[in-house]
N, C-alpha and C. Protein backbone atom coordinates (compact mmCIF):
# COMPACT_ATOMS: atom_id res chain seq x y z
N MET A 1 95.96 76.08 79.74
CA MET A 1 97.09 76.46 80.94
C MET A 1 97.68 75.46 81.56
N SER A 2 98.86 75.38 81.89
CA SER A 2 99.75 74.53 82.70
C SER A 2 99.34 74.77 84.03
N ALA A 3 100.06 73.54 84.82
CA ALA A 3 100.17 73.76 86.27
C ALA A 3 100.91 74.89 86.90
N ALA A 4 101.96 74.93 85.92
CA ALA A 4 102.91 75.89 86.62
C ALA A 4 102.22 77.54 86.41
N ASP A 5 101.64 77.57 85.26
CA ASP A 5 100.84 78.97 84.87
C ASP A 5 99.97 79.06 85.92
N ALA A 6 99.04 78.38 86.34
CA ALA A 6 98.23 78.58 86.73
C ALA A 6 98.53 78.66 88.35
N LYS A 7 99.47 78.31 88.92
CA LYS A 7 99.87 78.48 90.23
C LYS A 7 100.40 79.77 90.26
N ALA A 8 101.46 80.23 89.36
CA ALA A 8 101.75 81.70 89.24
C ALA A 8 101.02 82.86 89.14
N GLN A 9 99.64 82.39 88.28
CA GLN A 9 98.46 83.31 88.48
C GLN A 9 98.09 83.51 90.01
N ARG A 10 98.16 82.27 90.63
CA ARG A 10 97.24 82.22 92.60
C ARG A 10 98.36 82.91 92.91
N GLU A 11 99.77 82.52 93.20
CA GLU A 11 100.29 83.36 93.64
C GLU A 11 100.52 85.01 93.29
N ALA A 12 100.40 85.31 91.97
CA ALA A 12 100.26 86.71 91.78
C ALA A 12 98.84 87.70 92.24
N GLN A 13 98.00 86.98 92.09
CA GLN A 13 96.54 86.97 92.66
C GLN A 13 97.07 87.50 94.32
N ALA A 14 97.46 86.61 95.07
CA ALA A 14 97.59 86.92 96.55
C ALA A 14 98.64 87.67 96.66
N LYS A 15 99.13 88.28 95.85
CA LYS A 15 100.06 89.56 95.99
C LYS A 15 99.44 90.75 95.95
N LEU A 16 98.18 90.70 95.45
CA LEU A 16 97.71 92.16 94.87
C LEU A 16 97.11 92.94 96.01
N PRO A 17 96.97 92.51 97.14
CA PRO A 17 96.67 93.00 98.40
C PRO A 17 97.83 93.83 98.95
N THR A 18 99.16 93.09 99.27
CA THR A 18 100.19 93.67 99.55
C THR A 18 100.86 95.24 98.68
N VAL A 19 100.28 94.86 97.33
CA VAL A 19 100.84 95.67 96.40
C VAL A 19 99.72 97.08 96.56
N ASP A 20 98.53 96.73 96.81
CA ASP A 20 97.81 98.12 97.08
C ASP A 20 98.64 98.68 98.93
N ALA A 21 98.83 98.11 99.70
CA ALA A 21 99.17 98.41 100.63
C ALA A 21 100.32 99.29 100.49
N ALA A 22 101.32 98.78 99.59
CA ALA A 22 102.61 99.55 99.45
C ALA A 22 102.29 100.71 98.77
N GLU A 23 101.42 100.61 97.92
CA GLU A 23 100.78 102.04 97.22
C GLU A 23 100.38 103.15 98.29
N ARG A 24 99.46 102.47 99.46
CA ARG A 24 98.71 103.36 100.21
C ARG A 24 99.80 104.11 101.06
N ARG A 25 101.05 103.39 101.40
CA ARG A 25 102.51 103.73 102.50
C ARG A 25 102.74 104.99 101.75
N MET A 26 103.14 104.23 100.36
CA MET A 26 103.57 105.29 99.62
C MET A 26 103.42 106.36 99.21
N ALA A 27 101.92 106.77 98.93
CA ALA A 27 101.36 107.85 99.17
C ALA A 27 101.16 108.64 100.40
N ALA A 28 100.96 108.07 101.64
CA ALA A 28 101.02 108.63 102.70
C ALA A 28 102.45 109.11 103.01
N LEU A 29 103.64 108.47 102.44
CA LEU A 29 105.15 108.86 102.61
C LEU A 29 105.43 110.09 101.83
N SER A 30 104.80 109.98 100.50
CA SER A 30 105.04 111.31 99.62
C SER A 30 104.02 112.40 100.17
N LYS A 31 103.31 112.37 100.86
CA LYS A 31 102.37 113.34 101.52
C LYS A 31 103.13 113.90 102.49
N ALA A 32 103.86 113.16 103.55
CA ALA A 32 104.66 113.63 104.53
C ALA A 32 105.84 114.52 103.76
N ILE A 33 106.35 113.98 102.94
CA ILE A 33 107.45 114.59 102.33
C ILE A 33 107.32 115.85 101.89
N ASP A 34 106.00 115.88 100.90
CA ASP A 34 105.82 117.25 100.73
C ASP A 34 105.62 118.20 101.85
N THR A 35 105.04 117.55 102.63
CA THR A 35 104.49 118.68 103.95
C THR A 35 105.65 119.03 104.59
N LEU A 36 106.90 118.35 104.85
CA LEU A 36 108.06 118.95 105.06
C LEU A 36 108.64 119.93 104.09
N SER A 37 108.75 119.57 102.93
CA SER A 37 109.32 120.25 101.92
C SER A 37 108.61 121.67 101.67
N GLY A 38 107.46 121.46 102.39
CA GLY A 38 106.88 123.15 102.26
C GLY A 38 107.14 123.91 103.32
N ASN A 39 108.22 123.53 103.99
CA ASN A 39 108.29 124.41 105.12
C ASN A 39 109.20 125.62 104.80
N PHE A 40 110.19 126.65 105.80
CA PHE A 40 111.03 127.55 105.44
C PHE A 40 112.29 126.34 105.63
N TRP A 41 112.68 125.53 106.13
CA TRP A 41 113.80 125.21 106.56
C TRP A 41 114.57 124.19 105.28
N ASP A 42 115.69 124.45 105.14
CA ASP A 42 116.58 124.07 104.24
C ASP A 42 117.21 122.70 104.23
N GLY A 43 116.90 121.91 105.11
CA GLY A 43 117.49 120.77 105.33
C GLY A 43 118.65 120.44 105.72
N GLY A 44 119.27 121.48 106.19
CA GLY A 44 120.77 121.52 106.76
C GLY A 44 120.55 120.70 108.00
N PRO A 45 121.70 120.00 108.64
CA PRO A 45 121.95 119.25 109.80
C PRO A 45 121.23 119.45 111.12
N ILE A 46 120.87 120.88 111.20
CA ILE A 46 120.02 121.33 112.75
C ILE A 46 118.67 120.88 112.08
N ASP A 47 118.02 121.56 110.99
CA ASP A 47 116.99 121.35 110.53
C ASP A 47 116.43 119.99 110.49
N ARG A 48 117.63 119.34 109.84
CA ARG A 48 116.85 117.84 110.08
C ARG A 48 116.84 116.82 111.13
N MET A 49 117.69 117.60 112.35
CA MET A 49 117.27 117.20 113.56
C MET A 49 116.01 117.83 113.85
N ALA A 50 115.43 118.31 113.75
CA ALA A 50 114.34 119.17 113.98
C ALA A 50 113.06 118.77 113.53
N LEU A 51 113.06 118.47 112.18
CA LEU A 51 112.10 117.91 111.32
C LEU A 51 111.97 116.56 111.65
N ALA A 52 113.01 115.39 112.09
CA ALA A 52 112.84 114.37 112.75
C ALA A 52 112.17 113.84 113.97
N LEU A 53 112.04 115.03 114.67
CA LEU A 53 110.82 115.19 115.71
C LEU A 53 109.53 115.59 115.44
N THR A 54 109.22 116.03 114.18
CA THR A 54 107.80 116.43 114.31
C THR A 54 106.80 115.14 113.68
N GLU A 55 105.86 115.48 113.87
CA GLU A 55 105.09 114.19 113.12
C GLU A 55 105.19 113.84 111.65
N ASP A 56 105.38 114.61 110.91
CA ASP A 56 105.63 113.93 109.69
C ASP A 56 106.97 113.63 109.37
N GLY A 57 107.76 114.18 110.38
CA GLY A 57 109.38 113.30 110.06
C GLY A 57 109.05 111.74 110.76
N GLN A 58 108.70 111.44 111.86
CA GLN A 58 108.05 110.22 112.30
C GLN A 58 107.40 109.26 111.62
N ARG A 59 106.15 110.22 110.71
CA ARG A 59 105.74 109.58 109.56
C ARG A 59 106.79 108.80 108.62
N ILE A 60 107.52 109.78 108.27
CA ILE A 60 108.63 109.55 107.16
C ILE A 60 109.25 107.88 107.76
N LYS A 61 110.06 108.69 108.95
CA LYS A 61 110.58 107.13 109.35
C LYS A 61 109.77 106.01 109.22
N ALA A 62 108.55 105.88 109.85
CA ALA A 62 107.79 104.66 110.46
C ALA A 62 107.16 103.67 108.74
N LEU A 63 106.49 104.91 107.73
CA LEU A 63 106.63 104.35 106.57
C LEU A 63 107.48 103.72 105.78
N SER A 64 108.67 104.56 105.76
CA SER A 64 109.95 103.85 105.28
C SER A 64 110.05 102.53 105.59
N ALA A 65 110.29 102.14 107.26
CA ALA A 65 110.37 100.95 107.51
C ALA A 65 109.58 100.18 106.99
N GLN A 66 107.98 100.54 106.98
CA GLN A 66 107.19 99.65 107.00
C GLN A 66 107.20 98.92 105.21
N LEU A 67 107.76 100.16 104.49
CA LEU A 67 107.81 99.65 103.13
C LEU A 67 108.54 98.70 102.61
N LEU A 68 110.00 98.41 103.05
CA LEU A 68 110.90 97.61 102.96
C LEU A 68 110.49 96.04 103.04
N PRO A 69 109.93 95.36 104.25
CA PRO A 69 109.13 94.19 104.02
C PRO A 69 107.85 93.90 103.50
N ALA A 70 107.57 94.96 102.98
CA ALA A 70 106.02 94.55 101.91
C ALA A 70 106.77 94.63 100.31
N LEU A 71 107.96 95.17 100.02
CA LEU A 71 108.57 95.44 98.73
C LEU A 71 109.53 93.71 98.65
N THR A 72 109.99 93.55 99.66
CA THR A 72 110.51 92.50 99.63
C THR A 72 109.46 91.31 99.69
N ALA A 73 108.22 91.20 99.89
CA ALA A 73 107.79 89.68 100.04
C ALA A 73 107.27 90.07 98.63
N LEU A 74 107.13 91.14 97.99
CA LEU A 74 106.63 91.04 96.53
C LEU A 74 107.59 90.41 95.53
N THR A 75 108.95 90.90 95.95
CA THR A 75 110.12 90.47 94.89
C THR A 75 110.39 89.17 95.02
N ARG A 76 110.20 88.25 95.99
CA ARG A 76 110.15 86.94 96.27
C ARG A 76 109.89 86.11 95.13
N ILE A 77 110.95 85.20 94.89
CA ILE A 77 110.47 84.17 93.92
C ILE A 77 110.29 82.83 94.54
N PRO A 78 109.72 82.12 94.82
CA PRO A 78 109.94 80.76 95.47
C PRO A 78 110.02 79.86 94.78
N GLY A 79 111.07 79.49 95.58
CA GLY A 79 112.15 78.14 94.66
C GLY A 79 113.58 78.75 94.39
N ILE A 80 113.92 79.51 94.13
CA ILE A 80 114.85 80.41 93.74
C ILE A 80 115.98 80.70 94.71
N GLY A 81 117.09 79.92 94.42
CA GLY A 81 118.05 80.21 95.76
C GLY A 81 119.14 81.42 95.72
N THR A 82 118.91 82.20 94.25
CA THR A 82 119.70 83.48 93.86
C THR A 82 118.67 84.65 94.03
N GLN A 83 119.59 85.77 94.52
CA GLN A 83 118.74 87.20 93.86
C GLN A 83 118.21 87.14 92.91
N SER A 84 116.77 87.71 92.54
CA SER A 84 116.58 87.66 91.11
C SER A 84 116.81 89.48 91.02
N ASP A 85 116.41 89.64 90.17
CA ASP A 85 117.13 91.25 89.45
C ASP A 85 116.10 91.86 90.16
N LEU A 86 114.59 91.96 90.55
CA LEU A 86 113.85 92.79 91.27
C LEU A 86 114.44 92.79 92.61
N ASP A 87 115.04 91.94 93.47
CA ASP A 87 115.99 92.10 94.50
C ASP A 87 117.17 92.60 94.69
N THR A 88 117.62 93.05 93.63
CA THR A 88 118.61 93.47 93.49
C THR A 88 118.33 95.22 93.14
N ARG A 89 117.10 95.25 92.20
CA ARG A 89 116.74 96.51 92.10
C ARG A 89 116.51 96.94 93.54
N LEU A 90 115.47 96.09 94.08
CA LEU A 90 115.03 96.60 95.73
C LEU A 90 116.04 96.82 96.70
N ASN A 91 117.21 96.25 96.50
CA ASN A 91 118.32 96.71 97.42
C ASN A 91 118.93 97.66 96.86
N ASN A 92 119.02 97.99 95.73
CA ASN A 92 119.44 99.70 95.47
C ASN A 92 119.08 100.76 95.73
N LEU A 93 117.77 100.49 95.79
CA LEU A 93 116.99 101.90 96.07
C LEU A 93 117.19 101.80 97.61
N GLN A 94 117.16 103.53 97.50
CA GLN A 94 117.02 103.94 99.05
C GLN A 94 115.73 104.83 99.35
N PHE A 95 115.49 104.78 101.11
CA PHE A 95 114.40 105.07 101.23
C PHE A 95 114.29 106.38 101.89
N PRO A 96 113.33 107.24 101.59
CA PRO A 96 113.26 108.57 101.85
C PRO A 96 113.46 108.84 103.72
N SER A 97 113.93 109.75 103.89
CA SER A 97 114.36 109.98 105.42
C SER A 97 114.92 111.55 105.98
N THR A 98 113.93 111.49 106.98
CA THR A 98 114.37 113.07 107.09
C THR A 98 116.11 113.61 107.66
N GLU A 99 116.97 112.48 106.94
CA GLU A 99 118.13 112.89 107.00
C GLU A 99 118.64 113.45 105.87
N TYR A 100 117.92 113.20 104.78
CA TYR A 100 117.94 113.85 103.24
C TYR A 100 117.39 115.27 103.21
N PRO A 101 117.98 116.31 102.50
CA PRO A 101 117.05 117.00 102.16
C PRO A 101 116.09 116.87 101.23
N PRO A 102 115.14 118.22 101.43
CA PRO A 102 113.82 117.71 100.67
C PRO A 102 113.91 117.13 99.07
N ASP A 103 114.65 117.98 98.26
CA ASP A 103 114.68 117.52 97.19
C ASP A 103 115.18 116.04 96.91
N VAL A 104 115.81 115.48 97.72
CA VAL A 104 116.76 114.23 97.45
C VAL A 104 115.24 113.14 97.93
N ASN A 105 114.83 113.69 98.93
CA ASN A 105 113.28 112.94 99.65
C ASN A 105 112.76 112.75 98.26
N LYS A 106 112.30 113.91 97.33
CA LYS A 106 111.29 114.04 96.71
C LYS A 106 111.72 112.71 95.15
N GLN A 107 113.05 112.91 95.06
CA GLN A 107 113.51 111.82 94.00
C GLN A 107 113.54 110.21 94.59
N LEU A 108 113.75 110.36 95.56
CA LEU A 108 113.96 109.09 96.38
C LEU A 108 112.40 108.37 96.01
N SER A 109 111.35 109.63 96.80
CA SER A 109 110.11 108.84 96.69
C SER A 109 109.27 108.68 95.21
N ASP A 110 110.19 109.33 94.40
CA ASP A 110 109.57 109.44 92.99
C ASP A 110 110.08 108.02 92.01
N GLU A 111 111.46 107.26 92.56
CA GLU A 111 111.77 106.15 92.07
C GLU A 111 111.25 104.90 93.16
N LEU A 112 110.73 105.05 94.52
CA LEU A 112 109.72 104.25 95.14
C LEU A 112 108.76 104.06 94.15
N THR A 113 107.70 105.38 93.92
CA THR A 113 106.29 104.99 93.52
C THR A 113 106.70 104.02 91.87
N THR A 114 107.76 104.65 90.98
CA THR A 114 108.19 103.68 89.78
C THR A 114 108.12 102.63 90.24
N PHE A 115 109.09 101.71 90.97
CA PHE A 115 109.09 100.65 91.73
C PHE A 115 107.74 100.15 91.78
N ILE A 116 107.30 100.78 92.53
CA ILE A 116 105.96 99.64 92.75
C ILE A 116 104.89 99.76 91.99
N ALA A 117 105.13 100.83 90.86
CA ALA A 117 104.17 100.59 89.19
C ALA A 117 104.77 99.68 88.39
N ASP A 118 105.97 99.35 88.67
CA ASP A 118 106.67 98.14 88.11
C ASP A 118 106.16 96.91 88.44
N LEU A 119 106.10 97.00 89.98
CA LEU A 119 105.34 95.87 90.52
C LEU A 119 104.25 95.27 90.34
N ARG A 120 103.17 96.20 90.34
CA ARG A 120 102.09 96.43 90.02
C ARG A 120 101.57 95.52 88.78
N ALA A 121 102.19 96.54 87.81
CA ALA A 121 101.96 96.04 86.35
C ALA A 121 102.68 94.65 86.26
N ALA A 122 103.57 94.25 86.99
CA ALA A 122 104.18 92.88 86.52
C ALA A 122 103.09 91.91 87.05
N ILE A 123 102.80 92.00 88.72
CA ILE A 123 102.17 90.93 89.26
C ILE A 123 100.55 91.25 88.66
N GLU A 124 100.04 92.14 88.17
CA GLU A 124 98.69 92.22 87.36
C GLU A 124 98.98 91.30 86.17
N GLY A 125 100.14 91.49 85.82
CA GLY A 125 99.97 90.81 84.08
C GLY A 125 100.26 89.44 84.46
N THR A 126 100.96 88.88 85.63
CA THR A 126 101.09 87.69 85.78
C THR A 126 99.77 86.87 86.03
N ALA A 127 99.11 87.81 87.11
CA ALA A 127 97.59 87.38 87.40
C ALA A 127 96.60 86.97 86.49
N ARG A 128 96.84 87.78 85.29
CA ARG A 128 96.07 87.73 84.27
C ARG A 128 96.85 86.62 83.11
N GLY A 129 97.97 85.91 83.29
CA GLY A 129 98.74 85.09 82.13
C GLY A 129 99.62 85.78 81.50
N ASP A 130 99.53 86.95 81.40
CA ASP A 130 100.47 87.64 80.50
C ASP A 130 101.63 87.85 80.62
N SER A 131 102.69 88.04 79.75
CA SER A 131 103.85 88.49 80.51
C SER A 131 104.16 90.08 80.44
N PHE A 132 105.01 90.56 81.18
CA PHE A 132 105.83 91.82 81.67
C PHE A 132 106.56 92.40 80.93
N ARG A 133 106.52 93.73 80.73
CA ARG A 133 107.76 94.29 80.10
C ARG A 133 107.57 95.88 80.18
N PRO A 134 107.95 96.16 81.29
CA PRO A 134 107.67 97.62 81.70
C PRO A 134 108.19 98.53 80.14
N ALA A 135 106.94 99.32 80.19
CA ALA A 135 107.27 100.50 78.96
C ALA A 135 107.99 101.34 79.02
N GLU A 136 107.76 102.51 80.39
CA GLU A 136 108.53 103.77 80.69
C GLU A 136 109.64 103.63 81.54
N THR A 137 110.13 102.61 81.78
CA THR A 137 111.31 102.41 82.83
C THR A 137 112.18 101.34 82.21
N GLY A 138 113.37 101.48 82.53
CA GLY A 138 114.08 100.45 82.10
C GLY A 138 114.03 99.38 83.12
N ALA A 139 113.41 99.14 83.91
CA ALA A 139 113.31 97.92 84.83
C ALA A 139 113.54 96.59 84.34
N PRO A 140 114.04 95.80 85.07
CA PRO A 140 113.97 94.49 84.48
C PRO A 140 112.63 93.76 84.32
N ALA A 141 112.43 92.93 83.95
CA ALA A 141 110.80 92.26 83.38
C ALA A 141 110.64 91.46 84.83
N ALA A 142 109.40 91.03 84.97
CA ALA A 142 108.78 90.81 86.19
C ALA A 142 109.01 88.95 86.08
N PRO A 143 109.23 88.15 86.98
CA PRO A 143 109.33 86.77 86.86
C PRO A 143 108.00 86.35 86.16
N ALA A 144 108.50 85.42 85.04
CA ALA A 144 107.34 84.46 84.40
C ALA A 144 107.70 83.29 85.14
N ALA A 145 106.17 82.67 84.41
CA ALA A 145 106.39 81.44 85.44
C ALA A 145 107.26 80.32 84.58
N PRO A 146 107.95 79.30 85.82
CA PRO A 146 108.80 78.45 85.38
C PRO A 146 108.49 77.88 83.86
N ALA A 147 109.20 77.85 83.16
CA ALA A 147 109.30 77.00 81.89
C ALA A 147 109.14 75.43 82.06
N ALA A 148 108.86 74.81 81.22
CA ALA A 148 108.37 73.55 81.23
C ALA A 148 109.74 72.72 81.39
N SER A 149 110.98 73.58 80.66
CA SER A 149 112.52 72.84 80.31
C SER A 149 113.14 72.69 81.82
N GLY A 150 113.12 71.75 82.63
CA GLY A 150 113.74 71.51 83.71
C GLY A 150 113.81 72.79 84.61
N GLY A 151 112.46 73.03 85.18
CA GLY A 151 112.11 74.26 85.97
C GLY A 151 113.25 75.58 86.28
N GLU A 152 113.26 75.76 84.69
CA GLU A 152 114.01 77.26 84.64
C GLU A 152 113.29 78.08 84.68
N LEU A 153 113.34 79.24 85.03
CA LEU A 153 112.49 80.29 85.25
C LEU A 153 113.13 81.52 84.37
N ASP A 154 112.63 82.01 83.80
CA ASP A 154 112.61 83.48 82.91
C ASP A 154 112.59 84.56 83.61
N LEU A 155 113.45 85.09 83.73
CA LEU A 155 113.36 86.51 84.37
C LEU A 155 113.19 87.83 83.40
N GLY A 156 113.51 87.57 82.09
CA GLY A 156 112.90 88.53 81.07
C GLY A 156 114.58 88.79 80.56
N ASP A 157 114.65 89.77 79.78
CA ASP A 157 116.06 90.21 79.28
C ASP A 157 117.13 89.28 78.93
N GLY A 158 116.51 87.77 78.84
CA GLY A 158 117.51 86.75 78.37
C GLY A 158 118.11 86.42 79.89
N ILE A 159 117.49 86.79 81.25
CA ILE A 159 118.35 86.44 82.30
C ILE A 159 117.11 84.91 82.67
N LYS A 160 118.00 83.75 82.98
CA LYS A 160 117.59 82.56 83.41
C LYS A 160 117.97 82.39 84.65
N ALA A 161 117.09 81.35 85.33
CA ALA A 161 117.42 81.14 86.70
C ALA A 161 116.85 79.62 86.99
N ARG A 162 117.44 78.78 87.75
CA ARG A 162 117.14 77.33 87.75
C ARG A 162 116.94 77.20 89.14
N ARG A 163 116.02 76.22 89.51
CA ARG A 163 115.72 76.22 90.45
C ARG A 163 116.75 75.10 91.60
N LYS A 164 117.01 75.37 92.80
CA LYS A 164 117.82 74.37 93.29
C LYS A 164 117.32 72.94 93.92
């Protein structure tokens, strides 16, 4: 195993607790969404204002805010001056909010859950020294260890990045 591979494995192992925390937050967020979705309100403008004042509404707001920094930390690739495909995918995600109707929040929750599952698979694979290719989603591959040739990083799907 090269020094770069060993370093990538150590970095991935260090990220696993953050993945665990993101999954716990996502589970709590999904539970709050399900609780609010089970009421008699239809998610109209007045309903959304009232729902935002409930305990579960506040929980949705807080957990959504807590997820972004955790997910951002998981998608960062040290030494790369440009955005990775994972950063781009993260920036394109929307987070659940009491501003959205229940069915939209459910869809957003499902997308976030899939994103976190892809991150876990990529990070665990890197921690084991495997390469990662998501099977169920069209998600980009997780970053691999820097290649020996000139510090180039293979981001998967034919996408390469160079260290600055």
